[in-house]
Each structure stands twice: as structure tokens, then as C-alpha cells.
Full PDB file with SEQRES, HELIX, SHEET, SSBOND, CRYST1, ORIGX, SCALE, CONECT and MASTER records, all heavy atoms in Angstrom:
SEQRES   1 A   32  HIS LEU ALA GLU ARG LEU ALA GLY ARG GLY ASP GLU VAL          
SEQRES   2 A   32  VAL GLY LEU ASP ASN LEU ASN ASP TYR TYR ASP VAL ARG          
SEQRES   3 A   32  LEU LYS LEU GLY ARG LEU                                      
HELIX    1 AA1 LEU A    2  GLY A    8  1                                   7    
HELIX    2 AA2 VAL A   25  ARG A   31  1                                   7    
CRYST1    1.000    1.000    1.000  90.00  90.00  90.00 P 1           1          
ORIGX1      1.000000  0.000000  0.000000        0.00000                         
ORIGX2      0.000000  1.000000  0.000000        0.00000                         
ORIGX3      0.000000  0.000000  1.000000        0.00000                         
SCALE1      1.000000  0.000000  0.000000        0.00000                         
SCALE2      0.000000  1.000000  0.000000        0.00000                         
SCALE3      0.000000  0.000000  1.000000        0.00000                         
ATOM      1  N   HIS A   1      -5.357   2.318   1.204  1.00  0.00           N  
ATOM      2  CA  HIS A   1      -6.236   2.894   2.226  1.00  0.00           C  
ATOM      3  C   HIS A   1      -6.562   1.890   3.327  1.00  0.00           C  
ATOM      4  O   HIS A   1      -6.617   2.263   4.513  1.00  0.00           O  
ATOM      5  CB  HIS A   1      -7.525   3.386   1.568  1.00  0.00           C  
ATOM      6  CG  HIS A   1      -7.370   4.666   0.799  1.00  0.00           C  
ATOM      7  ND1 HIS A   1      -7.374   5.904   1.397  1.00  0.00           N  
ATOM      8  CD2 HIS A   1      -7.208   4.902  -0.528  1.00  0.00           C  
ATOM      9  CE1 HIS A   1      -7.222   6.851   0.481  1.00  0.00           C  
ATOM     10  NE2 HIS A   1      -7.127   6.266  -0.699  1.00  0.00           N  
ATOM     11  N   LEU A   2      -6.782   0.627   2.959  1.00  0.00           N  
ATOM     12  CA  LEU A   2      -7.113  -0.378   3.963  1.00  0.00           C  
ATOM     13  C   LEU A   2      -5.941  -0.624   4.906  1.00  0.00           C  
ATOM     14  O   LEU A   2      -6.123  -0.698   6.133  1.00  0.00           O  
ATOM     15  CB  LEU A   2      -7.520  -1.685   3.284  1.00  0.00           C  
ATOM     16  CG  LEU A   2      -7.860  -2.833   4.237  1.00  0.00           C  
ATOM     17  CD1 LEU A   2      -9.067  -2.487   5.094  1.00  0.00           C  
ATOM     18  CD2 LEU A   2      -8.094  -4.128   3.473  1.00  0.00           C  
ATOM     19  N   ALA A   3      -4.732  -0.760   4.364  1.00  0.00           N  
ATOM     20  CA  ALA A   3      -3.554  -0.973   5.214  1.00  0.00           C  
ATOM     21  C   ALA A   3      -3.370   0.183   6.187  1.00  0.00           C  
ATOM     22  O   ALA A   3      -3.015  -0.015   7.358  1.00  0.00           O  
ATOM     23  CB  ALA A   3      -2.309  -1.153   4.346  1.00  0.00           C  
ATOM     24  N   GLU A   4      -3.607   1.409   5.712  1.00  0.00           N  
ATOM     25  CA  GLU A   4      -3.505   2.584   6.579  1.00  0.00           C  
ATOM     26  C   GLU A   4      -4.492   2.487   7.746  1.00  0.00           C  
ATOM     27  O   GLU A   4      -4.129   2.751   8.893  1.00  0.00           O  
ATOM     28  CB  GLU A   4      -3.797   3.847   5.762  1.00  0.00           C  
ATOM     29  CG  GLU A   4      -2.709   4.227   4.782  1.00  0.00           C  
ATOM     30  CD  GLU A   4      -1.724   5.204   5.410  1.00  0.00           C  
ATOM     31  OE1 GLU A   4      -1.930   6.412   5.321  1.00  0.00           O  
ATOM     32  OE2 GLU A   4      -0.742   4.724   6.005  1.00  0.00           O  
ATOM     33  N   ARG A   5      -5.732   2.117   7.453  1.00  0.00           N  
ATOM     34  CA  ARG A   5      -6.746   2.028   8.508  1.00  0.00           C  
ATOM     35  C   ARG A   5      -6.442   0.901   9.480  1.00  0.00           C  
ATOM     36  O   ARG A   5      -6.605   1.062  10.706  1.00  0.00           O  
ATOM     37  CB  ARG A   5      -8.131   1.833   7.884  1.00  0.00           C  
ATOM     38  CG  ARG A   5      -8.734   3.075   7.241  1.00  0.00           C  
ATOM     39  CD  ARG A   5      -9.241   4.086   8.282  1.00  0.00           C  
ATOM     40  NE  ARG A   5     -10.228   3.487   9.186  1.00  0.00           N  
ATOM     41  CZ  ARG A   5     -11.527   3.382   8.917  1.00  0.00           C  
ATOM     42  NH1 ARG A   5     -12.010   3.836   7.749  1.00  0.00           N  
ATOM     43  NH2 ARG A   5     -12.357   2.849   9.800  1.00  0.00           N  
ATOM     44  N   LEU A   6      -6.011  -0.242   8.982  1.00  0.00           N  
ATOM     45  CA  LEU A   6      -5.688  -1.357   9.868  1.00  0.00           C  
ATOM     46  C   LEU A   6      -4.534  -1.000  10.805  1.00  0.00           C  
ATOM     47  O   LEU A   6      -4.600  -1.247  12.015  1.00  0.00           O  
ATOM     48  CB  LEU A   6      -5.328  -2.594   9.037  1.00  0.00           C  
ATOM     49  CG  LEU A   6      -6.486  -3.312   8.342  1.00  0.00           C  
ATOM     50  CD1 LEU A   6      -5.940  -4.292   7.301  1.00  0.00           C  
ATOM     51  CD2 LEU A   6      -7.349  -4.066   9.357  1.00  0.00           C  
ATOM     52  N   ALA A   7      -3.469  -0.424  10.240  1.00  0.00           N  
ATOM     53  CA  ALA A   7      -2.335  -0.023  11.065  1.00  0.00           C  
ATOM     54  C   ALA A   7      -2.746   1.062  12.048  1.00  0.00           C  
ATOM     55  O   ALA A   7      -2.309   1.064  13.210  1.00  0.00           O  
ATOM     56  CB  ALA A   7      -1.188   0.457  10.177  1.00  0.00           C  
ATOM     57  N   GLY A   8      -3.614   1.972  11.601  1.00  0.00           N  
ATOM     58  CA  GLY A   8      -4.046   3.063  12.456  1.00  0.00           C  
ATOM     59  C   GLY A   8      -4.851   2.615  13.659  1.00  0.00           C  
ATOM     60  O   GLY A   8      -4.865   3.290  14.697  1.00  0.00           O  
ATOM     61  N   ARG A   9      -5.516   1.469  13.554  1.00  0.00           N  
ATOM     62  CA  ARG A   9      -6.301   0.989  14.694  1.00  0.00           C  
ATOM     63  C   ARG A   9      -5.507   0.007  15.564  1.00  0.00           C  
ATOM     64  O   ARG A   9      -6.034  -0.539  16.524  1.00  0.00           O  
ATOM     65  CB  ARG A   9      -7.599   0.354  14.211  1.00  0.00           C  
ATOM     66  CG  ARG A   9      -7.463  -1.007  13.583  1.00  0.00           C  
ATOM     67  CD  ARG A   9      -8.810  -1.585  13.185  1.00  0.00           C  
ATOM     68  NE  ARG A   9      -8.702  -3.005  12.860  1.00  0.00           N  
ATOM     69  CZ  ARG A   9      -9.738  -3.782  12.558  1.00  0.00           C  
ATOM     70  NH1 ARG A   9     -10.951  -3.263  12.529  1.00  0.00           N  
ATOM     71  NH2 ARG A   9      -9.573  -5.059  12.284  1.00  0.00           N  
ATOM     72  N   GLY A  10      -4.241  -0.235  15.195  1.00  0.00           N  
ATOM     73  CA  GLY A  10      -3.372  -1.034  16.049  1.00  0.00           C  
ATOM     74  C   GLY A  10      -3.111  -2.449  15.600  1.00  0.00           C  
ATOM     75  O   GLY A  10      -2.428  -3.210  16.294  1.00  0.00           O  
ATOM     76  N   ASP A  11      -3.607  -2.843  14.438  1.00  0.00           N  
ATOM     77  CA  ASP A  11      -3.305  -4.177  13.928  1.00  0.00           C  
ATOM     78  C   ASP A  11      -1.881  -4.227  13.382  1.00  0.00           C  
ATOM     79  O   ASP A  11      -1.335  -3.211  12.939  1.00  0.00           O  
ATOM     80  CB  ASP A  11      -4.274  -4.554  12.796  1.00  0.00           C  
ATOM     81  CG  ASP A  11      -5.680  -4.826  13.307  1.00  0.00           C  
ATOM     82  OD1 ASP A  11      -5.810  -5.433  14.374  1.00  0.00           O  
ATOM     83  OD2 ASP A  11      -6.640  -4.408  12.645  1.00  0.00           O  
ATOM     84  N   GLU A  12      -1.286  -5.414  13.409  1.00  0.00           N  
ATOM     85  CA  GLU A  12      -0.006  -5.628  12.742  1.00  0.00           C  
ATOM     86  C   GLU A  12      -0.308  -5.951  11.285  1.00  0.00           C  
ATOM     87  O   GLU A  12      -1.087  -6.863  11.001  1.00  0.00           O  
ATOM     88  CB  GLU A  12       0.761  -6.770  13.394  1.00  0.00           C  
ATOM     89  CG  GLU A  12       2.142  -6.981  12.796  1.00  0.00           C  
ATOM     90  CD  GLU A  12       2.905  -8.110  13.465  1.00  0.00           C  
ATOM     91  OE1 GLU A  12       2.423  -8.655  14.482  1.00  0.00           O  
ATOM     92  OE2 GLU A  12       3.994  -8.464  12.956  1.00  0.00           O  
ATOM     93  N   VAL A  13       0.297  -5.211  10.362  1.00  0.00           N  
ATOM     94  CA  VAL A  13      -0.051  -5.316   8.950  1.00  0.00           C  
ATOM     95  C   VAL A  13       1.190  -5.612   8.124  1.00  0.00           C  
ATOM     96  O   VAL A  13       2.230  -4.974   8.300  1.00  0.00           O  
ATOM     97  CB  VAL A  13      -0.697  -4.010   8.439  1.00  0.00           C  
ATOM     98  CG1 VAL A  13      -1.085  -4.140   6.963  1.00  0.00           C  
ATOM     99  CG2 VAL A  13      -1.918  -3.640   9.275  1.00  0.00           C  
ATOM    100  N   VAL A  14       1.049  -6.590   7.223  1.00  0.00           N  
ATOM    101  CA  VAL A  14       2.048  -6.812   6.183  1.00  0.00           C  
ATOM    102  C   VAL A  14       1.365  -6.491   4.853  1.00  0.00           C  
ATOM    103  O   VAL A  14       0.355  -7.102   4.510  1.00  0.00           O  
ATOM    104  CB  VAL A  14       2.584  -8.250   6.176  1.00  0.00           C  
ATOM    105  CG1 VAL A  14       3.500  -8.472   4.961  1.00  0.00           C  
ATOM    106  CG2 VAL A  14       3.340  -8.542   7.464  1.00  0.00           C  
ATOM    107  N   GLY A  15       1.900  -5.502   4.152  1.00  0.00           N  
ATOM    108  CA  GLY A  15       1.388  -5.154   2.841  1.00  0.00           C  
ATOM    109  C   GLY A  15       2.231  -5.807   1.757  1.00  0.00           C  
ATOM    110  O   GLY A  15       3.448  -5.886   1.892  1.00  0.00           O  
ATOM    111  N   LEU A  16       1.593  -6.284   0.708  1.00  0.00           N  
ATOM    112  CA  LEU A  16       2.292  -6.977  -0.371  1.00  0.00           C  
ATOM    113  C   LEU A  16       1.839  -6.408  -1.704  1.00  0.00           C  
ATOM    114  O   LEU A  16       0.654  -6.141  -1.901  1.00  0.00           O  
ATOM    115  CB  LEU A  16       2.004  -8.479  -0.289  1.00  0.00           C  
ATOM    116  CG  LEU A  16       2.597  -9.419  -1.335  1.00  0.00           C  
ATOM    117  CD1 LEU A  16       2.757 -10.824  -0.764  1.00  0.00           C  
ATOM    118  CD2 LEU A  16       1.733  -9.493  -2.613  1.00  0.00           C  
ATOM    119  N   ASP A  17       2.788  -6.240  -2.629  1.00  0.00           N  
ATOM    120  CA  ASP A  17       2.447  -5.775  -3.971  1.00  0.00           C  
ATOM    121  C   ASP A  17       3.616  -6.105  -4.888  1.00  0.00           C  
ATOM    122  O   ASP A  17       4.767  -6.107  -4.434  1.00  0.00           O  
ATOM    123  CB  ASP A  17       2.190  -4.264  -3.970  1.00  0.00           C  
ATOM    124  CG  ASP A  17       1.296  -3.822  -5.129  1.00  0.00           C  
ATOM    125  OD1 ASP A  17       1.760  -3.868  -6.284  1.00  0.00           O  
ATOM    126  OD2 ASP A  17       0.147  -3.407  -4.866  1.00  0.00           O  
ATOM    127  N   ASN A  18       3.327  -6.358  -6.177  1.00  0.00           N  
ATOM    128  CA  ASN A  18       4.435  -6.599  -7.112  1.00  0.00           C  
ATOM    129  C   ASN A  18       4.842  -5.339  -7.872  1.00  0.00           C  
ATOM    130  O   ASN A  18       5.790  -5.366  -8.668  1.00  0.00           O  
ATOM    131  CB  ASN A  18       4.088  -7.727  -8.092  1.00  0.00           C  
ATOM    132  CG  ASN A  18       2.997  -7.350  -9.087  1.00  0.00           C  
ATOM    133  OD1 ASN A  18       2.395  -6.279  -8.998  1.00  0.00           O  
ATOM    134  ND2 ASN A  18       2.743  -8.238 -10.035  1.00  0.00           N  
ATOM    135  N   LEU A  19       4.114  -4.234  -7.639  1.00  0.00           N  
ATOM    136  CA  LEU A  19       4.445  -2.939  -8.245  1.00  0.00           C  
ATOM    137  C   LEU A  19       4.554  -3.030  -9.767  1.00  0.00           C  
ATOM    138  O   LEU A  19       5.476  -2.480 -10.370  1.00  0.00           O  
ATOM    139  CB  LEU A  19       5.745  -2.375  -7.645  1.00  0.00           C  
ATOM    140  CG  LEU A  19       5.716  -2.077  -6.145  1.00  0.00           C  
ATOM    141  CD1 LEU A  19       7.087  -1.634  -5.665  1.00  0.00           C  
ATOM    142  CD2 LEU A  19       4.670  -1.007  -5.821  1.00  0.00           C  
ATOM    143  N   ASN A  20       3.592  -3.715 -10.393  1.00  0.00           N  
ATOM    144  CA  ASN A  20       3.642  -3.834 -11.856  1.00  0.00           C  
ATOM    145  C   ASN A  20       3.313  -2.496 -12.515  1.00  0.00           C  
ATOM    146  O   ASN A  20       2.858  -1.544 -11.861  1.00  0.00           O  
ATOM    147  CB  ASN A  20       2.728  -4.955 -12.354  1.00  0.00           C  
ATOM    148  CG  ASN A  20       1.255  -4.652 -12.169  1.00  0.00           C  
ATOM    149  OD1 ASN A  20       0.814  -3.518 -12.276  1.00  0.00           O  
ATOM    150  ND2 ASN A  20       0.466  -5.678 -11.884  1.00  0.00           N  
ATOM    151  N   ASP A  21       3.534  -2.421 -13.812  1.00  0.00           N  
ATOM    152  CA  ASP A  21       3.389  -1.154 -14.522  1.00  0.00           C  
ATOM    153  C   ASP A  21       2.093  -1.064 -15.312  1.00  0.00           C  
ATOM    154  O   ASP A  21       2.023  -0.374 -16.329  1.00  0.00           O  
ATOM    155  CB  ASP A  21       4.589  -0.926 -15.448  1.00  0.00           C  
ATOM    156  CG  ASP A  21       4.723  -2.011 -16.520  1.00  0.00           C  
ATOM    157  OD1 ASP A  21       3.909  -2.971 -16.514  1.00  0.00           O  
ATOM    158  OD2 ASP A  21       5.638  -1.908 -17.356  1.00  0.00           O  
ATOM    159  N   TYR A  22       1.028  -1.721 -14.848  1.00  0.00           N  
ATOM    160  CA  TYR A  22      -0.278  -1.579 -15.503  1.00  0.00           C  
ATOM    161  C   TYR A  22      -0.674  -0.099 -15.582  1.00  0.00           C  
ATOM    162  O   TYR A  22      -1.249   0.348 -16.563  1.00  0.00           O  
ATOM    163  CB  TYR A  22      -1.327  -2.394 -14.754  1.00  0.00           C  
ATOM    164  CG  TYR A  22      -2.747  -2.105 -15.173  1.00  0.00           C  
ATOM    165  CD1 TYR A  22      -3.185  -2.387 -16.465  1.00  0.00           C  
ATOM    166  CD2 TYR A  22      -3.657  -1.539 -14.280  1.00  0.00           C  
ATOM    167  CE1 TYR A  22      -4.486  -2.121 -16.857  1.00  0.00           C  
ATOM    168  CE2 TYR A  22      -4.961  -1.271 -14.658  1.00  0.00           C  
ATOM    169  CZ  TYR A  22      -5.369  -1.556 -15.950  1.00  0.00           C  
ATOM    170  OH  TYR A  22      -6.657  -1.282 -16.328  1.00  0.00           O  
ATOM    171  N   TYR A  23      -0.383   0.636 -14.517  1.00  0.00           N  
ATOM    172  CA  TYR A  23      -0.459   2.093 -14.584  1.00  0.00           C  
ATOM    173  C   TYR A  23       0.751   2.681 -13.875  1.00  0.00           C  
ATOM    174  O   TYR A  23       1.573   1.940 -13.323  1.00  0.00           O  
ATOM    175  CB  TYR A  23      -1.783   2.649 -14.036  1.00  0.00           C  
ATOM    176  CG  TYR A  23      -2.097   2.339 -12.585  1.00  0.00           C  
ATOM    177  CD1 TYR A  23      -1.482   3.043 -11.544  1.00  0.00           C  
ATOM    178  CD2 TYR A  23      -3.039   1.371 -12.240  1.00  0.00           C  
ATOM    179  CE1 TYR A  23      -1.787   2.787 -10.217  1.00  0.00           C  
ATOM    180  CE2 TYR A  23      -3.354   1.112 -10.925  1.00  0.00           C  
ATOM    181  CZ  TYR A  23      -2.723   1.828  -9.913  1.00  0.00           C  
ATOM    182  OH  TYR A  23      -3.033   1.556  -8.603  1.00  0.00           O  
ATOM    183  N   ASP A  24       0.888   3.988 -13.904  1.00  0.00           N  
ATOM    184  CA  ASP A  24       2.069   4.713 -13.453  1.00  0.00           C  
ATOM    185  C   ASP A  24       2.579   4.226 -12.091  1.00  0.00           C  
ATOM    186  O   ASP A  24       1.902   4.387 -11.066  1.00  0.00           O  
ATOM    187  CB  ASP A  24       1.739   6.210 -13.378  1.00  0.00           C  
ATOM    188  CG  ASP A  24       2.970   7.072 -13.165  1.00  0.00           C  
ATOM    189  OD1 ASP A  24       4.067   6.528 -12.955  1.00  0.00           O  
ATOM    190  OD2 ASP A  24       2.817   8.321 -13.210  1.00  0.00           O  
ATOM    191  N   VAL A  25       3.760   3.626 -12.088  1.00  0.00           N  
ATOM    192  CA  VAL A  25       4.343   3.101 -10.855  1.00  0.00           C  
ATOM    193  C   VAL A  25       4.629   4.230  -9.868  1.00  0.00           C  
ATOM    194  O   VAL A  25       4.632   4.020  -8.653  1.00  0.00           O  
ATOM    195  CB  VAL A  25       5.620   2.296 -11.164  1.00  0.00           C  
ATOM    196  CG1 VAL A  25       6.304   1.837  -9.879  1.00  0.00           C  
ATOM    197  CG2 VAL A  25       5.285   1.083 -12.031  1.00  0.00           C  
ATOM    198  N   ARG A  26       4.853   5.430 -10.372  1.00  0.00           N  
ATOM    199  CA  ARG A  26       5.121   6.558  -9.469  1.00  0.00           C  
ATOM    200  C   ARG A  26       3.957   6.811  -8.524  1.00  0.00           C  
ATOM    201  O   ARG A  26       4.161   7.218  -7.370  1.00  0.00           O  
ATOM    202  CB  ARG A  26       5.432   7.814 -10.279  1.00  0.00           C  
ATOM    203  CG  ARG A  26       6.759   7.777 -11.024  1.00  0.00           C  
ATOM    204  CD  ARG A  26       6.926   8.989 -11.916  1.00  0.00           C  
ATOM    205  NE  ARG A  26       5.872   9.031 -12.944  1.00  0.00           N  
ATOM    206  CZ  ARG A  26       5.744  10.023 -13.812  1.00  0.00           C  
ATOM    207  NH1 ARG A  26       6.573  11.055 -13.780  1.00  0.00           N  
ATOM    208  NH2 ARG A  26       4.781   9.981 -14.722  1.00  0.00           N  
ATOM    209  N   LEU A  27       2.735   6.567  -8.994  1.00  0.00           N  
ATOM    210  CA  LEU A  27       1.572   6.725  -8.122  1.00  0.00           C  
ATOM    211  C   LEU A  27       1.579   5.653  -7.032  1.00  0.00           C  
ATOM    212  O   LEU A  27       1.296   5.935  -5.861  1.00  0.00           O  
ATOM    213  CB  LEU A  27       0.289   6.652  -8.941  1.00  0.00           C  
ATOM    214  CG  LEU A  27      -1.030   6.765  -8.171  1.00  0.00           C  
ATOM    215  CD1 LEU A  27      -1.087   8.038  -7.348  1.00  0.00           C  
ATOM    216  CD2 LEU A  27      -2.215   6.695  -9.133  1.00  0.00           C  
ATOM    217  N   LYS A  28       1.913   4.431  -7.406  1.00  0.00           N  
ATOM    218  CA  LYS A  28       1.986   3.356  -6.413  1.00  0.00           C  
ATOM    219  C   LYS A  28       3.064   3.652  -5.377  1.00  0.00           C  
ATOM    220  O   LYS A  28       2.861   3.467  -4.168  1.00  0.00           O  
ATOM    221  CB  LYS A  28       2.257   2.021  -7.107  1.00  0.00           C  
ATOM    222  CG  LYS A  28       1.160   1.605  -8.082  1.00  0.00           C  
ATOM    223  CD  LYS A  28       1.469   0.279  -8.751  1.00  0.00           C  
ATOM    224  CE  LYS A  28       0.370  -0.116  -9.726  1.00  0.00           C  
ATOM    225  NZ  LYS A  28       0.594  -1.429 -10.354  1.00  0.00           N  
ATOM    226  N   LEU A  29       4.219   4.109  -5.837  1.00  0.00           N  
ATOM    227  CA  LEU A  29       5.296   4.453  -4.907  1.00  0.00           C  
ATOM    228  C   LEU A  29       4.912   5.651  -4.049  1.00  0.00           C  
ATOM    229  O   LEU A  29       5.293   5.732  -2.869  1.00  0.00           O  
ATOM    230  CB  LEU A  29       6.580   4.741  -5.681  1.00  0.00           C  
ATOM    231  CG  LEU A  29       7.190   3.549  -6.428  1.00  0.00           C  
ATOM    232  CD1 LEU A  29       8.399   3.990  -7.247  1.00  0.00           C  
ATOM    233  CD2 LEU A  29       7.592   2.442  -5.450  1.00  0.00           C  
ATOM    234  N   GLY A  30       4.138   6.572  -4.611  1.00  0.00           N  
ATOM    235  CA  GLY A  30       3.658   7.706  -3.835  1.00  0.00           C  
ATOM    236  C   GLY A  30       2.761   7.266  -2.691  1.00  0.00           C  
ATOM    237  O   GLY A  30       2.821   7.815  -1.581  1.00  0.00           O  
ATOM    238  N   ARG A  31       1.916   6.276  -2.948  1.00  0.00           N  
ATOM    239  CA  ARG A  31       1.069   5.735  -1.875  1.00  0.00           C  
ATOM    240  C   ARG A  31       1.920   5.129  -0.772  1.00  0.00           C  
ATOM    241  O   ARG A  31       1.669   5.333   0.419  1.00  0.00           O  
ATOM    242  CB  ARG A  31       0.111   4.691  -2.450  1.00  0.00           C  
ATOM    243  CG  ARG A  31      -0.934   5.220  -3.426  1.00  0.00           C  
ATOM    244  CD  ARG A  31      -1.734   4.079  -4.021  1.00  0.00           C  
ATOM    245  NE  ARG A  31      -2.717   4.511  -5.012  1.00  0.00           N  
ATOM    246  CZ  ARG A  31      -2.930   3.901  -6.157  1.00  0.00           C  
ATOM    247  NH1 ARG A  31      -2.218   2.817  -6.480  1.00  0.00           N  
ATOM    248  NH2 ARG A  31      -3.840   4.348  -7.007  1.00  0.00           N  
ATOM    249  N   LEU A  32       2.933   4.348  -1.171  1.00  0.00           N  
ATOM    250  CA  LEU A  32       3.796   3.711  -0.173  1.00  0.00           C  
ATOM    251  C   LEU A  32       4.565   4.756   0.633  1.00  0.00           C  
ATOM    252  O   LEU A  32       4.729   4.613   1.853  1.00  0.00           O  
ATOM    253  CB  LEU A  32       4.761   2.740  -0.849  1.00  0.00           C  
ATOM    254  CG  LEU A  32       4.108   1.529  -1.539  1.00  0.00           C  
ATOM    255  CD1 LEU A  32       5.175   0.655  -2.194  1.00  0.00           C  
ATOM    256  CD2 LEU A  32       3.293   0.702  -0.544  1.00  0.00           C  
TER     257      LEU A  32                                                      
MASTER        0    0    0    2    0    0    0    6  256    1    0    3          
END                                                                             
């Protein structure tokens, strides 16, 4: 949500994540 808001207001954003499987990775990929 934060990356979406930053990009939406015109900031240059680099998002980083290791996509670990602590919970369903499909949800993380769905967000991306």
C-alpha cells in the first residue's frame, strides 16, 4: 500500500521483497 501511494504522488519508488513463504506467496504475487 505504501509503494502504491508513493508512486501515485509522483515519487520514484524501488520496492524490495524476498517473497518468502511465511504465508501464501500467491497473495504476495497478487499484490505485485
